[in-house]
Amino acid sequence: MNQQQLQQVTQGKGFIAALDQSGGSTPKALKLYGIEESAYSGDAQMFDLVHAMRSRIVTSPAFNGQRVIGAILFEMTMDRQFDGQDAADYLWKTKQVVPFLKVDKGLADEANGVQLMKPMPELNALLARAAAKGIFGTKMRSVINAANAQGIDAVVAQQFEVGKQILAAGLMPIIEPEVNIKAADKVEIEALLKAAILQQLDALTGDQKVMLKLTIPTVAGFYGELVKHPRVVRVVALSGGYSRDDSNALLAKNPGVIASFSRALTEGLTAQQSDAEFNGALDQAIESIYQASIAG
């Protein structure tokens, strides 16, 4: 594991950009960026367009390691280039931004109020490829929709089981059990989730440490124990459908938690903007998320 990258992720001031929209969420991301589905046909064109959007973001002067400490990539992005360099190399060597990779294959059908991750039979091969490409860590997402203790325990157990596989490959896992922000019993979910995560953290051995990516809790500061836990490198927050302003306002009430926003980061950016307009809008977005991340 790259020690400079570990230091940046552990102590760096700023946030992690989530640039890992995958097949299902790409048309929505492009539409928000001002590109309608009628403007392209087939997956190849769609992924070319979203790569162009991501390239425009990461090559912007506003995007660098002074405020963006890391970026999460989609597998196809890892295999492409930014400005003539392999994506992970460009992020770290040119921008001093630590590269992460989304490794999950999507969500299984809901059971017990949760959606587990689909099986990942080729994970070891992907992790080896990621390490060779200069990727520092990974991210994988499950979803919790209801305060069902059995379901929540299953989500957390699966996340940590795969997390240990990722650690064994020499990479840093970001464990992401997302709580649906529309869940009627969100407070109860978060209490069960924190207890399940603490139990798994306390069972880690040797020098095993993980990162956590969590929905911003309803009760401000609720994840303080996780922020301080010796097995946790960093707690980051997803925007989960909140607007950027709402995400920032809620995040700022949670000391020690930094952003890992996707839609809230790209909100207001469009393909139609001139480079000056785009870079200005991105600079404002990055600054607002940076300030929310260092608050408290």
C-alpha atoms as a PDB file:
ATOM      1  CA  MET A   1       0.000   0.000   0.000  1.00  0.00           C
ATOM      2  CA  ASN A   2       1.391   3.392  -1.032  1.00  0.00           C
ATOM      3  CA  GLN A   3       2.299   5.159   2.245  1.00  0.00           C
ATOM      4  CA  GLN A   4       2.059   8.661   0.752  1.00  0.00           C
ATOM      5  CA  GLN A   5      -1.440   7.892  -0.456  1.00  0.00           C
ATOM      6  CA  LEU A   6      -2.357   6.388   2.923  1.00  0.00           C
ATOM      7  CA  GLN A   7      -1.151   9.552   4.650  1.00  0.00           C
ATOM      8  CA  GLN A   8      -3.192  11.736   2.290  1.00  0.00           C
ATOM      9  CA  VAL A   9      -6.330   9.654   2.840  1.00  0.00           C
ATOM     10  CA  THR A  10      -5.809   9.574   6.626  1.00  0.00           C
ATOM     11  CA  GLN A  11      -4.795  13.179   7.261  1.00  0.00           C
ATOM     12  CA  GLY A  12      -5.509  15.162   4.100  1.00  0.00           C
ATOM     13  CA  LYS A  13      -7.928  18.080   4.209  1.00  0.00           C
ATOM     14  CA  GLY A  14     -10.684  17.792   1.659  1.00  0.00           C
ATOM     15  CA  PHE A  15     -13.061  15.189   0.284  1.00  0.00           C
ATOM     16  CA  ILE A  16     -13.328  12.204  -2.062  1.00  0.00           C
ATOM     17  CA  ALA A  17     -14.982  12.746  -5.446  1.00  0.00           C
ATOM     18  CA  ALA A  18     -17.295   9.887  -6.477  1.00  0.00           C
ATOM     19  CA  LEU A  19     -16.936   9.606 -10.271  1.00  0.00           C
ATOM     20  CA  ASP A  20     -18.118   6.004 -10.448  1.00  0.00           C
ATOM     21  CA  GLN A  21     -21.596   6.135 -12.012  1.00  0.00           C
ATOM     22  CA  SER A  22     -22.055   2.731 -13.670  1.00  0.00           C
ATOM     23  CA  GLY A  23     -24.297   1.380 -16.428  1.00  0.00           C
ATOM     24  CA  GLY A  24     -27.633   1.870 -14.679  1.00  0.00           C
ATOM     25  CA  SER A  25     -27.008   5.409 -13.427  1.00  0.00           C
ATOM     26  CA  THR A  26     -25.104   6.739 -16.461  1.00  0.00           C
ATOM     27  CA  PRO A  27     -28.103   7.956 -18.553  1.00  0.00           C
ATOM     28  CA  LYS A  28     -29.342   9.929 -15.537  1.00  0.00           C
ATOM     29  CA  ALA A  29     -25.881  11.433 -14.953  1.00  0.00           C
ATOM     30  CA  LEU A  30     -25.623  12.441 -18.623  1.00  0.00           C
ATOM     31  CA  LYS A  31     -29.106  13.967 -18.607  1.00  0.00           C
ATOM     32  CA  LEU A  32     -28.191  16.121 -15.610  1.00  0.00           C
ATOM     33  CA  TYR A  33     -25.065  17.109 -17.556  1.00  0.00           C
ATOM     34  CA  GLY A  34     -27.275  18.326 -20.410  1.00  0.00           C
ATOM     35  CA  ILE A  35     -26.991  15.316 -22.740  1.00  0.00           C
ATOM     36  CA  GLU A  36     -30.340  13.678 -23.582  1.00  0.00           C
ATOM     37  CA  GLU A  37     -30.644   9.950 -24.338  1.00  0.00           C
ATOM     38  CA  SER A  38     -31.573  10.853 -27.931  1.00  0.00           C
ATOM     39  CA  ALA A  39     -28.027  12.253 -28.396  1.00  0.00           C
ATOM     40  CA  TYR A  40     -26.391   8.809 -28.372  1.00  0.00           C
ATOM     41  CA  SER A  41     -27.174   5.218 -29.285  1.00  0.00           C
ATOM     42  CA  GLY A  42     -25.815   2.159 -27.528  1.00  0.00           C
ATOM     43  CA  ASP A  43     -23.582   1.654 -24.517  1.00  0.00           C
ATOM     44  CA  ALA A  44     -20.305   2.432 -26.310  1.00  0.00           C
ATOM     45  CA  GLN A  45     -21.375   5.972 -27.210  1.00  0.00           C
ATOM     46  CA  MET A  46     -22.921   6.466 -23.769  1.00  0.00           C
ATOM     47  CA  PHE A  47     -19.711   5.473 -21.976  1.00  0.00           C
ATOM     48  CA  ASP A  48     -17.619   7.639 -24.313  1.00  0.00           C
ATOM     49  CA  LEU A  49     -19.768  10.636 -23.401  1.00  0.00           C
ATOM     50  CA  VAL A  50     -19.617  10.007 -19.649  1.00  0.00           C
ATOM     51  CA  HIS A  51     -15.848   9.508 -19.897  1.00  0.00           C
ATOM     52  CA  ALA A  52     -15.595  12.878 -21.637  1.00  0.00           C
ATOM     53  CA  MET A  53     -17.567  14.401 -18.739  1.00  0.00           C
ATOM     54  CA  ARG A  54     -15.269  12.801 -16.148  1.00  0.00           C
ATOM     55  CA  SER A  55     -12.177  13.850 -18.119  1.00  0.00           C
ATOM     56  CA  ARG A  56     -13.412  17.429 -18.164  1.00  0.00           C
ATOM     57  CA  ILE A  57     -13.823  17.318 -14.378  1.00  0.00           C
ATOM     58  CA  VAL A  58     -10.485  15.750 -13.452  1.00  0.00           C
ATOM     59  CA  THR A  59      -8.405  17.770 -15.938  1.00  0.00           C
ATOM     60  CA  SER A  60      -9.953  21.057 -14.749  1.00  0.00           C
ATOM     61  CA  PRO A  61      -7.578  23.394 -12.866  1.00  0.00           C
ATOM     62  CA  ALA A  62     -10.132  23.365 -10.015  1.00  0.00           C
ATOM     63  CA  PHE A  63      -9.626  19.617  -9.440  1.00  0.00           C
ATOM     64  CA  ASN A  64      -6.472  18.719  -7.474  1.00  0.00           C
ATOM     65  CA  GLY A  65      -5.228  17.172  -4.248  1.00  0.00           C
ATOM     66  CA  GLN A  66      -5.363  20.411  -2.277  1.00  0.00           C
ATOM     67  CA  ARG A  67      -9.140  20.041  -1.879  1.00  0.00           C
ATOM     68  CA  VAL A  68      -9.957  16.663  -3.487  1.00  0.00           C
ATOM     69  CA  ILE A  69      -7.949  14.020  -1.620  1.00  0.00           C
ATOM     70  CA  GLY A  70      -9.309  11.038  -3.575  1.00  0.00           C
ATOM     71  CA  ALA A  71     -11.531   9.986  -6.464  1.00  0.00           C
ATOM     72  CA  ILE A  72     -13.581   6.811  -6.984  1.00  0.00           C
ATOM     73  CA  LEU A  73     -13.516   5.439 -10.521  1.00  0.00           C
ATOM     74  CA  PHE A  74     -15.751   3.072 -12.469  1.00  0.00           C
ATOM     75  CA  GLU A  75     -13.892  -0.024 -13.778  1.00  0.00           C
ATOM     76  CA  MET A  76     -14.142   1.166 -17.384  1.00  0.00           C
ATOM     77  CA  THR A  77     -12.610   4.503 -16.354  1.00  0.00           C
ATOM     78  CA  MET A  78      -9.649   2.742 -14.738  1.00  0.00           C
ATOM     79  CA  ASP A  79      -8.970   1.107 -18.103  1.00  0.00           C
ATOM     80  CA  ARG A  80      -9.062   4.438 -19.957  1.00  0.00           C
ATOM     81  CA  GLN A  81      -6.879   7.517 -19.936  1.00  0.00           C
ATOM     82  CA  PHE A  82      -7.066  11.147 -18.824  1.00  0.00           C
ATOM     83  CA  ASP A  83      -4.995  13.540 -20.927  1.00  0.00           C
ATOM     84  CA  GLY A  84      -2.911  10.706 -22.408  1.00  0.00           C
ATOM     85  CA  GLN A  85      -2.093   8.984 -19.082  1.00  0.00           C
ATOM     86  CA  ASP A  86      -3.674   5.913 -17.492  1.00  0.00           C
ATOM     87  CA  ALA A  87      -6.509   7.212 -15.311  1.00  0.00           C
ATOM     88  CA  ALA A  88      -5.061   6.211 -11.910  1.00  0.00           C
ATOM     89  CA  ASP A  89      -1.585   7.455 -12.825  1.00  0.00           C
ATOM     90  CA  TYR A  90      -2.982  10.784 -14.000  1.00  0.00           C
ATOM     91  CA  LEU A  91      -4.947  11.280 -10.785  1.00  0.00           C
ATOM     92  CA  TRP A  92      -2.000  10.607  -8.486  1.00  0.00           C
ATOM     93  CA  LYS A  93       1.035  11.767 -10.468  1.00  0.00           C
ATOM     94  CA  THR A  94      -0.509  14.849 -12.075  1.00  0.00           C
ATOM     95  CA  LYS A  95      -3.186  15.879  -9.555  1.00  0.00           C
ATOM     96  CA  GLN A  96      -2.070  14.247  -6.255  1.00  0.00           C
ATOM     97  CA  VAL A  97      -5.557  12.729  -5.974  1.00  0.00           C
ATOM     98  CA  VAL A  98      -5.673   9.169  -4.551  1.00  0.00           C
ATOM     99  CA  PRO A  99      -7.422   6.721  -6.930  1.00  0.00           C
ATOM    100  CA  PHE A 100     -10.114   4.291  -5.743  1.00  0.00           C
ATOM    101  CA  LEU A 101     -12.125   1.761  -7.760  1.00  0.00           C
ATOM    102  CA  LYS A 102     -15.791   0.758  -7.503  1.00  0.00           C
ATOM    103  CA  VAL A 103     -15.707  -3.061  -7.429  1.00  0.00           C
ATOM    104  CA  ASP A 104     -19.281  -4.203  -6.731  1.00  0.00           C
ATOM    105  CA  LYS A 105     -21.442  -5.647  -9.513  1.00  0.00           C
ATOM    106  CA  GLY A 106     -24.675  -4.025  -8.386  1.00  0.00           C
ATOM    107  CA  LEU A 107     -27.417  -4.931  -5.947  1.00  0.00           C
ATOM    108  CA  ALA A 108     -29.348  -8.133  -5.372  1.00  0.00           C
ATOM    109  CA  ASP A 109     -33.150  -8.039  -4.999  1.00  0.00           C
ATOM    110  CA  GLU A 110     -34.441  -6.746  -1.681  1.00  0.00           C
ATOM    111  CA  ALA A 111     -34.841  -9.211   1.198  1.00  0.00           C
ATOM    112  CA  ASN A 112     -35.265  -8.423   4.923  1.00  0.00           C
ATOM    113  CA  GLY A 113     -35.437  -4.706   4.099  1.00  0.00           C
ATOM    114  CA  VAL A 114     -31.982  -4.611   2.465  1.00  0.00           C
ATOM    115  CA  GLN A 115     -30.218  -5.156  -0.832  1.00  0.00           C
ATOM    116  CA  LEU A 116     -27.023  -7.148  -0.535  1.00  0.00           C
ATOM    117  CA  MET A 117     -24.305  -6.957  -3.185  1.00  0.00           C
ATOM    118  CA  LYS A 118     -24.486  -9.392  -6.073  1.00  0.00           C
ATOM    119  CA  PRO A 119     -21.798 -12.114  -6.060  1.00  0.00           C
ATOM    120  CA  MET A 120     -18.351 -11.052  -7.299  1.00  0.00           C
ATOM    121  CA  PRO A 121     -16.710 -14.277  -8.527  1.00  0.00           C
ATOM    122  CA  GLU A 122     -13.998 -12.401 -10.456  1.00  0.00           C
ATOM    123  CA  LEU A 123     -13.079 -10.019  -7.625  1.00  0.00           C
ATOM    124  CA  ASN A 124      -9.561 -11.375  -7.018  1.00  0.00           C
ATOM    125  CA  ALA A 125      -8.659 -10.912 -10.682  1.00  0.00           C
ATOM    126  CA  LEU A 126     -10.075  -7.365 -10.649  1.00  0.00           C
ATOM    127  CA  LEU A 127      -8.151  -6.506  -7.462  1.00  0.00           C
ATOM    128  CA  ALA A 128      -4.887  -7.758  -8.985  1.00  0.00           C
ATOM    129  CA  ARG A 129      -5.525  -5.659 -12.102  1.00  0.00           C
ATOM    130  CA  ALA A 130      -6.398  -2.623  -9.978  1.00  0.00           C
ATOM    131  CA  ALA A 131      -3.225  -2.938  -7.893  1.00  0.00           C
ATOM    132  CA  ALA A 132      -1.143  -3.195 -11.080  1.00  0.00           C
ATOM    133  CA  LYS A 133      -2.844  -0.024 -12.383  1.00  0.00           C
ATOM    134  CA  GLY A 134      -1.921   1.945  -9.254  1.00  0.00           C
ATOM    135  CA  ILE A 135      -5.319   1.908  -7.544  1.00  0.00           C
ATOM    136  CA  PHE A 136      -5.078   2.528  -3.767  1.00  0.00           C
ATOM    137  CA  GLY A 137      -8.472   1.318  -2.573  1.00  0.00           C
ATOM    138  CA  THR A 138     -11.945   0.139  -3.502  1.00  0.00           C
ATOM    139  CA  LYS A 139     -15.591   0.947  -2.901  1.00  0.00           C
ATOM    140  CA  MET A 140     -18.620  -1.338  -2.778  1.00  0.00           C
ATOM    141  CA  ARG A 141     -22.250  -0.460  -2.055  1.00  0.00           C
ATOM    142  CA  SER A 142     -25.196  -2.161  -0.389  1.00  0.00           C
ATOM    143  CA  VAL A 143     -28.530  -0.487   0.443  1.00  0.00           C
ATOM    144  CA  ILE A 144     -30.630  -0.552   3.620  1.00  0.00           C
ATOM    145  CA  ASN A 145     -34.314   0.380   3.274  1.00  0.00           C
ATOM    146  CA  ALA A 146     -35.803  -0.690   6.615  1.00  0.00           C
ATOM    147  CA  ALA A 147     -34.870  -1.200  10.287  1.00  0.00           C
ATOM    148  CA  ASN A 148     -34.610  -4.976  10.015  1.00  0.00           C
ATOM    149  CA  ALA A 149     -31.826  -6.175  12.315  1.00  0.00           C
ATOM    150  CA  GLN A 150     -31.352  -9.458  10.432  1.00  0.00           C
ATOM    151  CA  GLY A 151     -31.019  -7.655   7.098  1.00  0.00           C
ATOM    152  CA  ILE A 152     -28.682  -4.973   8.450  1.00  0.00           C
ATOM    153  CA  ASP A 153     -26.429  -7.567  10.101  1.00  0.00           C
ATOM    154  CA  ALA A 154     -26.285  -9.455   6.777  1.00  0.00           C
ATOM    155  CA  VAL A 155     -25.304  -6.302   4.855  1.00  0.00           C
ATOM    156  CA  VAL A 156     -22.542  -5.409   7.293  1.00  0.00           C
ATOM    157  CA  ALA A 157     -21.247  -8.990   7.523  1.00  0.00           C
ATOM    158  CA  GLN A 158     -21.068  -9.228   3.715  1.00  0.00           C
ATOM    159  CA  GLN A 159     -19.322  -5.853   3.444  1.00  0.00           C
ATOM    160  CA  PHE A 160     -16.649  -6.799   5.977  1.00  0.00           C
ATOM    161  CA  GLU A 161     -16.169 -10.294   4.526  1.00  0.00           C
ATOM    162  CA  VAL A 162     -15.431  -8.786   1.087  1.00  0.00           C
ATOM    163  CA  GLY A 163     -13.441  -6.002   2.786  1.00  0.00           C
ATOM    164  CA  LYS A 164     -11.039  -8.599   4.213  1.00  0.00           C
ATOM    165  CA  GLN A 165     -10.584 -10.079   0.733  1.00  0.00           C
ATOM    166  CA  ILE A 166      -9.680  -6.584  -0.510  1.00  0.00           C
ATOM    167  CA  LEU A 167      -7.241  -6.003   2.369  1.00  0.00           C
ATOM    168  CA  ALA A 168      -5.578  -9.339   1.563  1.00  0.00           C
ATOM    169  CA  ALA A 169      -4.959  -8.017  -1.972  1.00  0.00           C
ATOM    170  CA  GLY A 170      -3.132  -5.011  -0.506  1.00  0.00           C
ATOM    171  CA  LEU A 171      -5.897  -2.463  -1.174  1.00  0.00           C
ATOM    172  CA  MET A 172      -7.955  -0.271   1.170  1.00  0.00           C
ATOM    173  CA  PRO A 173     -11.692  -1.097   1.239  1.00  0.00           C
ATOM    174  CA  ILE A 174     -14.349   1.606   1.505  1.00  0.00           C
ATOM    175  CA  ILE A 175     -17.302  -0.186   3.086  1.00  0.00           C
ATOM    176  CA  GLU A 176     -20.590   1.423   1.984  1.00  0.00           C
ATOM    177  CA  PRO A 177     -23.864   0.263   3.562  1.00  0.00           C
ATOM    178  CA  GLU A 178     -26.042   3.108   2.238  1.00  0.00           C
ATOM    179  CA  VAL A 179     -29.161   4.007   4.218  1.00  0.00           C
ATOM    180  CA  ASN A 180     -32.067   5.106   2.018  1.00  0.00           C
ATOM    181  CA  ILE A 181     -32.669   8.769   2.919  1.00  0.00           C
ATOM    182  CA  LYS A 182     -36.419   8.243   2.344  1.00  0.00           C
ATOM    183  CA  ALA A 183     -36.665   5.376   4.858  1.00  0.00           C
ATOM    184  CA  ALA A 184     -39.414   6.110   7.401  1.00  0.00           C
ATOM    185  CA  ASP A 185     -37.364   4.533  10.211  1.00  0.00           C
ATOM    186  CA  LYS A 186     -33.988   6.046   9.254  1.00  0.00           C
ATOM    187  CA  VAL A 187     -33.020   6.838  12.875  1.00  0.00           C
ATOM    188  CA  GLU A 188     -33.678   3.243  13.946  1.00  0.00           C
ATOM    189  CA  ILE A 189     -31.737   1.927  10.927  1.00  0.00           C
ATOM    190  CA  GLU A 190     -28.745   4.058  11.866  1.00  0.00           C
ATOM    191  CA  ALA A 191     -28.724   2.796  15.458  1.00  0.00           C
ATOM    192  CA  LEU A 192     -28.755  -0.844  14.271  1.00  0.00           C
ATOM    193  CA  LEU A 193     -26.157  -0.091  11.587  1.00  0.00           C
ATOM    194  CA  LYS A 194     -23.711   1.574  13.965  1.00  0.00           C
ATOM    195  CA  ALA A 195     -23.944  -1.348  16.402  1.00  0.00           C
ATOM    196  CA  ALA A 196     -23.345  -3.877  13.597  1.00  0.00           C
ATOM    197  CA  ILE A 197     -20.358  -1.923  12.233  1.00  0.00           C
ATOM    198  CA  LEU A 198     -18.778  -1.552  15.691  1.00  0.00           C
ATOM    199  CA  GLN A 199     -19.086  -5.312  16.243  1.00  0.00           C
ATOM    200  CA  GLN A 200     -17.320  -6.018  12.923  1.00  0.00           C
ATOM    201  CA  LEU A 201     -14.611  -3.395  13.551  1.00  0.00           C
ATOM    202  CA  ASP A 202     -13.837  -4.864  16.962  1.00  0.00           C
ATOM    203  CA  ALA A 203     -13.385  -8.300  15.353  1.00  0.00           C
ATOM    204  CA  LEU A 204     -10.691  -7.113  12.903  1.00  0.00           C
ATOM    205  CA  THR A 205      -7.221  -8.486  13.608  1.00  0.00           C
ATOM    206  CA  GLY A 206      -3.580  -7.567  13.061  1.00  0.00           C
ATOM    207  CA  ASP A 207      -3.183  -4.270  11.248  1.00  0.00           C
ATOM    208  CA  GLN A 208      -6.518  -4.481   9.405  1.00  0.00           C
ATOM    209  CA  LYS A 209      -8.181  -1.086   8.911  1.00  0.00           C
ATOM    210  CA  VAL A 210     -11.045   0.046   6.702  1.00  0.00           C
ATOM    211  CA  MET A 211     -12.786   3.171   5.487  1.00  0.00           C
ATOM    212  CA  LEU A 212     -16.528   3.692   5.862  1.00  0.00           C
ATOM    213  CA  LYS A 213     -18.891   5.465   3.454  1.00  0.00           C
ATOM    214  CA  LEU A 214     -22.199   6.228   5.146  1.00  0.00           C
ATOM    215  CA  THR A 215     -25.373   8.180   4.559  1.00  0.00           C
ATOM    216  CA  ILE A 216     -25.298  11.418   6.579  1.00  0.00           C
ATOM    217  CA  PRO A 217     -27.058  10.489   9.848  1.00  0.00           C
ATOM    218  CA  THR A 218     -30.305  12.095  11.001  1.00  0.00           C
ATOM    219  CA  VAL A 219     -28.807  12.734  14.455  1.00  0.00           C
ATOM    220  CA  ALA A 220     -25.849  15.101  14.027  1.00  0.00           C
ATOM    221  CA  GLY A 221     -22.536  13.586  15.170  1.00  0.00           C
ATOM    222  CA  PHE A 222     -24.077  10.125  15.532  1.00  0.00           C
ATOM    223  CA  TYR A 223     -21.094   8.381  13.930  1.00  0.00           C
ATOM    224  CA  GLY A 224     -18.497  10.028  16.172  1.00  0.00           C
ATOM    225  CA  GLU A 225     -17.543   6.632  17.675  1.00  0.00           C
ATOM    226  CA  LEU A 226     -16.794   5.341  14.181  1.00  0.00           C
ATOM    227  CA  VAL A 227     -14.692   8.415  13.309  1.00  0.00           C
ATOM    228  CA  LYS A 228     -12.563   7.823  16.422  1.00  0.00           C
ATOM    229  CA  HIS A 229     -12.348   4.017  16.125  1.00  0.00           C
ATOM    230  CA  PRO A 230      -8.728   2.811  15.797  1.00  0.00           C
ATOM    231  CA  ARG A 231      -9.709   0.436  12.966  1.00  0.00           C
ATOM    232  CA  VAL A 232     -11.222   3.232  10.842  1.00  0.00           C
ATOM    233  CA  VAL A 233      -8.955   5.183   8.489  1.00  0.00           C
ATOM    234  CA  ARG A 234     -11.658   7.685   7.477  1.00  0.00           C
ATOM    235  CA  VAL A 235     -15.435   8.083   7.529  1.00  0.00           C
ATOM    236  CA  VAL A 236     -16.837   9.611   4.350  1.00  0.00           C
ATOM    237  CA  ALA A 237     -20.418  10.555   3.550  1.00  0.00           C
ATOM    238  CA  LEU A 238     -22.503  10.006   0.439  1.00  0.00           C
ATOM    239  CA  SER A 239     -24.999  12.625  -0.732  1.00  0.00           C
ATOM    240  CA  GLY A 240     -27.692   9.989  -1.245  1.00  0.00           C
ATOM    241  CA  GLY A 241     -30.038  12.166  -3.284  1.00  0.00           C
ATOM    242  CA  TYR A 242     -29.787  15.334  -1.186  1.00  0.00           C
ATOM    243  CA  SER A 243     -28.989  18.517  -3.118  1.00  0.00           C
ATOM    244  CA  ARG A 244     -25.473  19.920  -2.760  1.00  0.00           C
ATOM    245  CA  ASP A 245     -26.636  22.700  -0.414  1.00  0.00           C
ATOM    246  CA  ASP A 246     -28.525  20.253   1.801  1.00  0.00           C
ATOM    247  CA  SER A 247     -25.672  17.714   1.707  1.00  0.00           C
ATOM    248  CA  ASN A 248     -23.146  20.368   2.724  1.00  0.00           C
ATOM    249  CA  ALA A 249     -25.339  21.751   5.510  1.00  0.00           C
ATOM    250  CA  LEU A 250     -25.948  18.284   6.968  1.00  0.00           C
ATOM    251  CA  LEU A 251     -22.320  17.184   6.566  1.00  0.00           C
ATOM    252  CA  ALA A 252     -20.982  20.260   8.364  1.00  0.00           C
ATOM    253  CA  LYS A 253     -22.826  19.104  11.518  1.00  0.00           C
ATOM    254  CA  ASN A 254     -20.787  15.880  11.621  1.00  0.00           C
ATOM    255  CA  PRO A 255     -17.213  16.604  12.756  1.00  0.00           C
ATOM    256  CA  GLY A 256     -14.570  14.277  11.369  1.00  0.00           C
ATOM    257  CA  VAL A 257     -16.772  13.054   8.500  1.00  0.00           C
ATOM    258  CA  ILE A 258     -15.789  14.196   4.990  1.00  0.00           C
ATOM    259  CA  ALA A 259     -17.758  14.157   1.752  1.00  0.00           C
ATOM    260  CA  SER A 260     -17.694  11.528  -0.970  1.00  0.00           C
ATOM    261  CA  PHE A 261     -20.320  13.073  -3.201  1.00  0.00           C
ATOM    262  CA  SER A 262     -21.318  12.091  -6.740  1.00  0.00           C
ATOM    263  CA  ARG A 263     -24.446  13.877  -7.966  1.00  0.00           C
ATOM    264  CA  ALA A 264     -23.982  16.714  -5.446  1.00  0.00           C
ATOM    265  CA  LEU A 265     -20.501  17.322  -6.900  1.00  0.00           C
ATOM    266  CA  THR A 266     -21.583  17.473 -10.548  1.00  0.00           C
ATOM    267  CA  GLU A 267     -24.819  19.408  -9.887  1.00  0.00           C
ATOM    268  CA  GLY A 268     -24.950  22.463 -12.169  1.00  0.00           C
ATOM    269  CA  LEU A 269     -22.223  21.280 -14.564  1.00  0.00           C
ATOM    270  CA  THR A 270     -23.300  20.971 -18.211  1.00  0.00           C
ATOM    271  CA  ALA A 271     -21.769  19.969 -21.525  1.00  0.00           C
ATOM    272  CA  GLN A 272     -22.964  23.278 -22.967  1.00  0.00           C
ATOM    273  CA  GLN A 273     -20.870  25.454 -20.635  1.00  0.00           C
ATOM    274  CA  SER A 274     -17.701  27.082 -21.975  1.00  0.00           C
ATOM    275  CA  ASP A 275     -14.499  25.894 -20.297  1.00  0.00           C
ATOM    276  CA  ALA A 276     -14.400  29.102 -18.253  1.00  0.00           C
ATOM    277  CA  GLU A 277     -18.005  28.636 -17.102  1.00  0.00           C
ATOM    278  CA  PHE A 278     -17.480  24.942 -16.390  1.00  0.00           C
ATOM    279  CA  ASN A 279     -14.252  25.465 -14.441  1.00  0.00           C
ATOM    280  CA  GLY A 280     -15.833  28.303 -12.456  1.00  0.00           C
ATOM    281  CA  ALA A 281     -18.898  26.227 -11.557  1.00  0.00           C
ATOM    282  CA  LEU A 282     -16.719  23.240 -10.624  1.00  0.00           C
ATOM    283  CA  ASP A 283     -14.453  25.443  -8.504  1.00  0.00           C
ATOM    284  CA  GLN A 284     -17.465  26.754  -6.561  1.00  0.00           C
ATOM    285  CA  ALA A 285     -18.822  23.221  -6.087  1.00  0.00           C
ATOM    286  CA  ILE A 286     -15.461  21.873  -4.894  1.00  0.00           C
ATOM    287  CA  GLU A 287     -14.932  24.806  -2.519  1.00  0.00           C
ATOM    288  CA  SER A 288     -18.380  24.419  -0.931  1.00  0.00           C
ATOM    289  CA  ILE A 289     -17.912  20.659  -0.412  1.00  0.00           C
ATOM    290  CA  TYR A 290     -14.361  21.227   0.872  1.00  0.00           C
ATOM    291  CA  GLN A 291     -15.602  23.742   3.449  1.00  0.00           C
ATOM    292  CA  ALA A 292     -18.362  21.370   4.608  1.00  0.00           C
ATOM    293  CA  SER A 293     -15.790  18.563   4.893  1.00  0.00           C
ATOM    294  CA  ILE A 294     -13.359  20.533   7.067  1.00  0.00           C
ATOM    295  CA  ALA A 295     -16.078  22.109   9.275  1.00  0.00           C
ATOM    296  CA  GLY A 296     -15.828  21.155  12.942  1.00  0.00           C
END
